[in-house]
Amino acid sequence: MFNLDSFSIRPIERNDKDRILHWRNSERVRCNMYNDHVISQQEHDAWFARALVDTPAAYLIFMHEEKPIGFISFTSINKLHGRCYWAFYLGETDVPRGAGSVMEFFALDYAFLMLKIRKLCCEVFTFNAGAIKLHEKFGFVHEGRFVEHYLKNGKYEDIVCLAKFGATWTEDRDKFKSRIFGKSGN
């Protein structure tokens, strides 16, 4: 069980720029991304400047005991249709086992309670079985599959499309909170 109060999320800040680039360029993170090349400082600087002002998006840092350990993004936020896409990763490797589940809990809370999104979507390479399993554990459903959709390392890879609806989060939130943080939520 985790202590709920030892984790938090916050919007990215200017002093996160180098940390995010370091995380994003690690092989462990890059191998699961669409854009898996090593990102140059110039490319990252341009993205970061846009990210600080990007209104149809939200970029967050996941914290454990006030230390940044991960990154969460919500993109293509569409209030009219009530949906957006999201992605996340643990940037640090020295994190408590199960921190990915805690981060997903915080991300779902943010999407459904703060952004008021109706439907949260994501796309995951089929070889990233751990991410797919984690999303399924939180009630994401498979909505489709893009077959041989993306060329990666000389091979066309499949992508699974997953989604979770805010109505199911409202029903399931307390169950997940209890499972991760214990009965008291602490």
C-alpha atoms as a PDB file:
ATOM      1  CA  MET A   1       0.000   0.000   0.000  1.00  0.00           C
ATOM      2  CA  PHE A   2       1.073   3.521  -0.729  1.00  0.00           C
ATOM      3  CA  ASN A   3       0.549   6.727   1.189  1.00  0.00           C
ATOM      4  CA  LEU A   4      -1.659   8.921  -0.998  1.00  0.00           C
ATOM      5  CA  ASP A   5      -0.101  12.088   0.415  1.00  0.00           C
ATOM      6  CA  SER A   6       3.403  11.097  -0.712  1.00  0.00           C
ATOM      7  CA  PHE A   7       2.379  11.461  -4.390  1.00  0.00           C
ATOM      8  CA  SER A   8       1.183  14.414  -6.413  1.00  0.00           C
ATOM      9  CA  ILE A   9       1.034  15.860  -9.902  1.00  0.00           C
ATOM     10  CA  ARG A  10       1.684  19.393 -11.051  1.00  0.00           C
ATOM     11  CA  PRO A  11       1.922  21.282 -14.340  1.00  0.00           C
ATOM     12  CA  ILE A  12       5.336  21.338 -15.983  1.00  0.00           C
ATOM     13  CA  GLU A  13       7.533  24.288 -15.108  1.00  0.00           C
ATOM     14  CA  ARG A  14      10.477  25.901 -16.874  1.00  0.00           C
ATOM     15  CA  ASN A  15      12.955  24.112 -14.624  1.00  0.00           C
ATOM     16  CA  ASP A  16      11.585  20.724 -15.814  1.00  0.00           C
ATOM     17  CA  LYS A  17      12.878  21.228 -19.355  1.00  0.00           C
ATOM     18  CA  ASP A  18      16.215  19.419 -19.040  1.00  0.00           C
ATOM     19  CA  ARG A  19      14.772  16.656 -16.872  1.00  0.00           C
ATOM     20  CA  ILE A  20      12.032  15.863 -19.395  1.00  0.00           C
ATOM     21  CA  LEU A  21      14.560  15.747 -22.248  1.00  0.00           C
ATOM     22  CA  HIS A  22      16.769  13.389 -20.249  1.00  0.00           C
ATOM     23  CA  TRP A  23      13.820  11.111 -19.473  1.00  0.00           C
ATOM     24  CA  ARG A  24      12.458  11.211 -23.009  1.00  0.00           C
ATOM     25  CA  ASN A  25      15.830  10.372 -24.556  1.00  0.00           C
ATOM     26  CA  SER A  26      16.412   7.344 -22.346  1.00  0.00           C
ATOM     27  CA  GLU A  27      16.226   4.121 -24.339  1.00  0.00           C
ATOM     28  CA  ARG A  28      13.733   2.713 -21.824  1.00  0.00           C
ATOM     29  CA  VAL A  29      11.228   5.472 -22.695  1.00  0.00           C
ATOM     30  CA  ARG A  30      12.078   6.015 -26.376  1.00  0.00           C
ATOM     31  CA  CYS A  31      11.568   2.384 -27.371  1.00  0.00           C
ATOM     32  CA  ASN A  32       7.820   2.647 -26.615  1.00  0.00           C
ATOM     33  CA  MET A  33       7.187   5.983 -28.361  1.00  0.00           C
ATOM     34  CA  TYR A  34       6.109   6.760 -31.899  1.00  0.00           C
ATOM     35  CA  ASN A  35       8.997   9.206 -32.214  1.00  0.00           C
ATOM     36  CA  ASP A  36      11.876   7.130 -30.940  1.00  0.00           C
ATOM     37  CA  HIS A  37      14.842   9.113 -32.227  1.00  0.00           C
ATOM     38  CA  VAL A  38      17.163  10.914 -29.839  1.00  0.00           C
ATOM     39  CA  ILE A  39      15.666  14.387 -29.494  1.00  0.00           C
ATOM     40  CA  SER A  40      18.072  17.275 -29.994  1.00  0.00           C
ATOM     41  CA  GLN A  41      18.241  20.170 -27.566  1.00  0.00           C
ATOM     42  CA  GLN A  42      16.916  22.515 -30.269  1.00  0.00           C
ATOM     43  CA  GLU A  43      13.972  20.216 -31.055  1.00  0.00           C
ATOM     44  CA  HIS A  44      13.173  19.847 -27.361  1.00  0.00           C
ATOM     45  CA  ASP A  45      13.453  23.592 -26.706  1.00  0.00           C
ATOM     46  CA  ALA A  46      10.895  24.261 -29.459  1.00  0.00           C
ATOM     47  CA  TRP A  47       8.517  21.579 -28.123  1.00  0.00           C
ATOM     48  CA  PHE A  48       8.887  22.805 -24.553  1.00  0.00           C
ATOM     49  CA  ALA A  49       8.137  26.417 -25.490  1.00  0.00           C
ATOM     50  CA  ARG A  50       4.929  25.236 -27.212  1.00  0.00           C
ATOM     51  CA  ALA A  51       4.043  22.936 -24.307  1.00  0.00           C
ATOM     52  CA  LEU A  52       4.094  25.799 -21.825  1.00  0.00           C
ATOM     53  CA  VAL A  53       1.332  27.602 -23.752  1.00  0.00           C
ATOM     54  CA  ASP A  54      -0.474  24.715 -25.517  1.00  0.00           C
ATOM     55  CA  THR A  55      -4.140  25.099 -24.562  1.00  0.00           C
ATOM     56  CA  PRO A  56      -5.583  21.914 -26.063  1.00  0.00           C
ATOM     57  CA  ALA A  57      -3.056  20.001 -23.959  1.00  0.00           C
ATOM     58  CA  ALA A  58      -1.901  19.536 -20.382  1.00  0.00           C
ATOM     59  CA  TYR A  59       1.605  18.412 -19.464  1.00  0.00           C
ATOM     60  CA  LEU A  60       2.203  17.262 -15.902  1.00  0.00           C
ATOM     61  CA  ILE A  61       5.002  16.051 -13.679  1.00  0.00           C
ATOM     62  CA  PHE A  62       4.300  13.094 -11.396  1.00  0.00           C
ATOM     63  CA  MET A  63       5.946  13.496  -8.002  1.00  0.00           C
ATOM     64  CA  HIS A  64       6.870  11.116  -5.194  1.00  0.00           C
ATOM     65  CA  GLU A  65       7.861  12.689  -1.890  1.00  0.00           C
ATOM     66  CA  GLU A  66       8.252  15.992  -3.750  1.00  0.00           C
ATOM     67  CA  LYS A  67      10.728  14.468  -6.227  1.00  0.00           C
ATOM     68  CA  PRO A  68       9.813  14.448  -9.947  1.00  0.00           C
ATOM     69  CA  ILE A  69       9.654  10.856 -11.183  1.00  0.00           C
ATOM     70  CA  GLY A  70       7.354  10.838 -14.213  1.00  0.00           C
ATOM     71  CA  PHE A  71       5.600  12.667 -17.013  1.00  0.00           C
ATOM     72  CA  ILE A  72       1.922  12.705 -18.049  1.00  0.00           C
ATOM     73  CA  SER A  73       0.513  14.339 -21.166  1.00  0.00           C
ATOM     74  CA  PHE A  74      -3.058  14.994 -22.233  1.00  0.00           C
ATOM     75  CA  THR A  75      -3.227  16.098 -25.853  1.00  0.00           C
ATOM     76  CA  SER A  76      -5.901  16.915 -28.418  1.00  0.00           C
ATOM     77  CA  ILE A  77      -8.218  17.965 -25.608  1.00  0.00           C
ATOM     78  CA  ASN A  78     -11.575  18.502 -27.295  1.00  0.00           C
ATOM     79  CA  LYS A  79     -14.193  19.977 -24.966  1.00  0.00           C
ATOM     80  CA  LEU A  80     -16.934  19.754 -27.597  1.00  0.00           C
ATOM     81  CA  HIS A  81     -16.580  15.989 -27.947  1.00  0.00           C
ATOM     82  CA  GLY A  82     -15.366  15.510 -24.381  1.00  0.00           C
ATOM     83  CA  ARG A  83     -12.288  13.506 -25.209  1.00  0.00           C
ATOM     84  CA  CYS A  84      -8.523  13.608 -25.359  1.00  0.00           C
ATOM     85  CA  TYR A  85      -5.477  11.395 -25.767  1.00  0.00           C
ATOM     86  CA  TRP A  86      -2.968  10.686 -23.087  1.00  0.00           C
ATOM     87  CA  ALA A  87       0.431   9.170 -22.544  1.00  0.00           C
ATOM     88  CA  PHE A  88       2.720   8.776 -19.577  1.00  0.00           C
ATOM     89  CA  TYR A  89       5.994   7.310 -18.444  1.00  0.00           C
ATOM     90  CA  LEU A  90       8.093   6.967 -15.360  1.00  0.00           C
ATOM     91  CA  GLY A  91      11.241   8.923 -16.062  1.00  0.00           C
ATOM     92  CA  GLU A  92      13.175   7.763 -13.031  1.00  0.00           C
ATOM     93  CA  THR A  93      14.084   4.143 -12.464  1.00  0.00           C
ATOM     94  CA  ASP A  94      14.585   4.298  -8.701  1.00  0.00           C
ATOM     95  CA  VAL A  95      10.892   4.461  -7.832  1.00  0.00           C
ATOM     96  CA  PRO A  96       8.665   2.355  -5.592  1.00  0.00           C
ATOM     97  CA  ARG A  97       7.364  -0.800  -7.235  1.00  0.00           C
ATOM     98  CA  GLY A  98       3.802  -0.064  -8.331  1.00  0.00           C
ATOM     99  CA  ALA A  99       4.408   3.660  -8.910  1.00  0.00           C
ATOM    100  CA  GLY A 100       3.003   3.238 -12.435  1.00  0.00           C
ATOM    101  CA  SER A 101      -0.358   2.282 -10.960  1.00  0.00           C
ATOM    102  CA  VAL A 102      -0.278   5.291  -8.673  1.00  0.00           C
ATOM    103  CA  MET A 103       0.552   7.534 -11.624  1.00  0.00           C
ATOM    104  CA  GLU A 104      -2.321   6.082 -13.646  1.00  0.00           C
ATOM    105  CA  PHE A 105      -4.698   6.707 -10.740  1.00  0.00           C
ATOM    106  CA  PHE A 106      -3.595  10.344 -10.516  1.00  0.00           C
ATOM    107  CA  ALA A 107      -3.823  10.751 -14.298  1.00  0.00           C
ATOM    108  CA  LEU A 108      -7.362   9.360 -14.435  1.00  0.00           C
ATOM    109  CA  ASP A 109      -8.420  11.612 -11.588  1.00  0.00           C
ATOM    110  CA  TYR A 110      -6.962  14.607 -13.414  1.00  0.00           C
ATOM    111  CA  ALA A 111      -8.579  13.712 -16.752  1.00  0.00           C
ATOM    112  CA  PHE A 112     -12.046  13.017 -15.406  1.00  0.00           C
ATOM    113  CA  LEU A 113     -12.278  15.342 -12.406  1.00  0.00           C
ATOM    114  CA  MET A 114     -10.141  18.325 -13.435  1.00  0.00           C
ATOM    115  CA  LEU A 115     -10.323  18.344 -17.241  1.00  0.00           C
ATOM    116  CA  LYS A 116     -13.885  16.963 -17.148  1.00  0.00           C
ATOM    117  CA  ILE A 117     -13.104  14.640 -20.058  1.00  0.00           C
ATOM    118  CA  ARG A 118     -15.826  12.160 -20.993  1.00  0.00           C
ATOM    119  CA  LYS A 119     -13.538   9.758 -22.862  1.00  0.00           C
ATOM    120  CA  LEU A 120      -9.811   9.203 -22.432  1.00  0.00           C
ATOM    121  CA  CYS A 121      -8.017   7.546 -25.346  1.00  0.00           C
ATOM    122  CA  CYS A 122      -4.557   6.114 -25.878  1.00  0.00           C
ATOM    123  CA  GLU A 123      -2.594   4.173 -28.460  1.00  0.00           C
ATOM    124  CA  VAL A 124      -0.024   1.591 -27.393  1.00  0.00           C
ATOM    125  CA  PHE A 125       2.350  -0.605 -29.393  1.00  0.00           C
ATOM    126  CA  THR A 126       1.195  -4.205 -29.002  1.00  0.00           C
ATOM    127  CA  PHE A 127       4.695  -5.211 -27.890  1.00  0.00           C
ATOM    128  CA  ASN A 128       4.284  -2.929 -24.832  1.00  0.00           C
ATOM    129  CA  ALA A 129       2.331  -5.589 -22.978  1.00  0.00           C
ATOM    130  CA  GLY A 130       3.014  -4.066 -19.554  1.00  0.00           C
ATOM    131  CA  ALA A 131       1.349  -0.759 -20.464  1.00  0.00           C
ATOM    132  CA  ILE A 132      -1.617  -2.534 -22.046  1.00  0.00           C
ATOM    133  CA  LYS A 133      -2.059  -4.715 -18.962  1.00  0.00           C
ATOM    134  CA  LEU A 134      -1.883  -1.683 -16.661  1.00  0.00           C
ATOM    135  CA  HIS A 135      -4.526   0.179 -18.687  1.00  0.00           C
ATOM    136  CA  GLU A 136      -6.764  -2.902 -18.719  1.00  0.00           C
ATOM    137  CA  LYS A 137      -6.391  -3.197 -14.936  1.00  0.00           C
ATOM    138  CA  PHE A 138      -7.843   0.317 -14.694  1.00  0.00           C
ATOM    139  CA  GLY A 139     -10.786  -0.553 -16.926  1.00  0.00           C
ATOM    140  CA  PHE A 140      -9.610   0.634 -20.314  1.00  0.00           C
ATOM    141  CA  VAL A 141     -11.305  -1.265 -23.123  1.00  0.00           C
ATOM    142  CA  HIS A 142      -9.905  -2.209 -26.499  1.00  0.00           C
ATOM    143  CA  GLU A 143     -11.580  -0.153 -29.192  1.00  0.00           C
ATOM    144  CA  GLY A 144      -9.508  -1.265 -32.111  1.00  0.00           C
ATOM    145  CA  ARG A 145      -6.205  -2.235 -33.580  1.00  0.00           C
ATOM    146  CA  PHE A 146      -4.139  -0.571 -36.261  1.00  0.00           C
ATOM    147  CA  VAL A 147      -2.437  -3.480 -38.040  1.00  0.00           C
ATOM    148  CA  GLU A 148       1.128  -2.958 -39.285  1.00  0.00           C
ATOM    149  CA  HIS A 149       0.572   0.711 -38.569  1.00  0.00           C
ATOM    150  CA  TYR A 150       3.991   2.072 -37.672  1.00  0.00           C
ATOM    151  CA  LEU A 151       7.462   1.282 -39.000  1.00  0.00           C
ATOM    152  CA  LYS A 152       9.780   0.748 -36.055  1.00  0.00           C
ATOM    153  CA  ASN A 153      13.231  -0.808 -36.230  1.00  0.00           C
ATOM    154  CA  GLY A 154      12.608  -2.067 -39.749  1.00  0.00           C
ATOM    155  CA  LYS A 155       9.334  -3.827 -38.858  1.00  0.00           C
ATOM    156  CA  TYR A 156       5.727  -2.660 -39.138  1.00  0.00           C
ATOM    157  CA  GLU A 157       4.186  -2.789 -35.689  1.00  0.00           C
ATOM    158  CA  ASP A 158       0.550  -3.022 -34.598  1.00  0.00           C
ATOM    159  CA  ILE A 159      -1.046  -0.431 -32.339  1.00  0.00           C
ATOM    160  CA  VAL A 160      -3.883  -1.169 -29.932  1.00  0.00           C
ATOM    161  CA  CYS A 161      -6.423   1.612 -29.323  1.00  0.00           C
ATOM    162  CA  LEU A 162      -7.742   1.806 -25.779  1.00  0.00           C
ATOM    163  CA  ALA A 163     -10.270   4.058 -24.071  1.00  0.00           C
ATOM    164  CA  LYS A 164     -11.830   4.655 -20.698  1.00  0.00           C
ATOM    165  CA  PHE A 165     -14.988   6.621 -20.021  1.00  0.00           C
ATOM    166  CA  GLY A 166     -15.436   9.068 -17.187  1.00  0.00           C
ATOM    167  CA  ALA A 167     -18.677   7.372 -16.116  1.00  0.00           C
ATOM    168  CA  THR A 168     -16.759   4.160 -15.345  1.00  0.00           C
ATOM    169  CA  TRP A 169     -14.134   6.122 -13.394  1.00  0.00           C
ATOM    170  CA  THR A 170     -16.866   7.633 -11.238  1.00  0.00           C
ATOM    171  CA  GLU A 171     -18.073   4.104 -10.478  1.00  0.00           C
ATOM    172  CA  ASP A 172     -14.606   2.541 -10.005  1.00  0.00           C
ATOM    173  CA  ARG A 173     -12.546   5.316  -8.412  1.00  0.00           C
ATOM    174  CA  ASP A 174     -13.059   4.304  -4.768  1.00  0.00           C
ATOM    175  CA  LYS A 175     -12.241   0.663  -5.550  1.00  0.00           C
ATOM    176  CA  PHE A 176      -8.938   1.653  -7.184  1.00  0.00           C
ATOM    177  CA  LYS A 177      -8.127   4.143  -4.439  1.00  0.00           C
ATOM    178  CA  SER A 178      -8.669   1.461  -1.790  1.00  0.00           C
ATOM    179  CA  ARG A 179      -6.659  -1.108  -3.749  1.00  0.00           C
ATOM    180  CA  ILE A 180      -3.657   1.225  -4.142  1.00  0.00           C
ATOM    181  CA  PHE A 181      -3.750   3.267  -0.947  1.00  0.00           C
ATOM    182  CA  GLY A 182      -5.654   1.046   1.497  1.00  0.00           C
ATOM    183  CA  LYS A 183      -9.066   1.477   3.036  1.00  0.00           C
ATOM    184  CA  SER A 184      -8.315   4.884   4.513  1.00  0.00           C
ATOM    185  CA  GLY A 185      -6.863   6.239   1.265  1.00  0.00           C
ATOM    186  CA  ASN A 186      -3.629   7.177   3.062  1.00  0.00           C
END
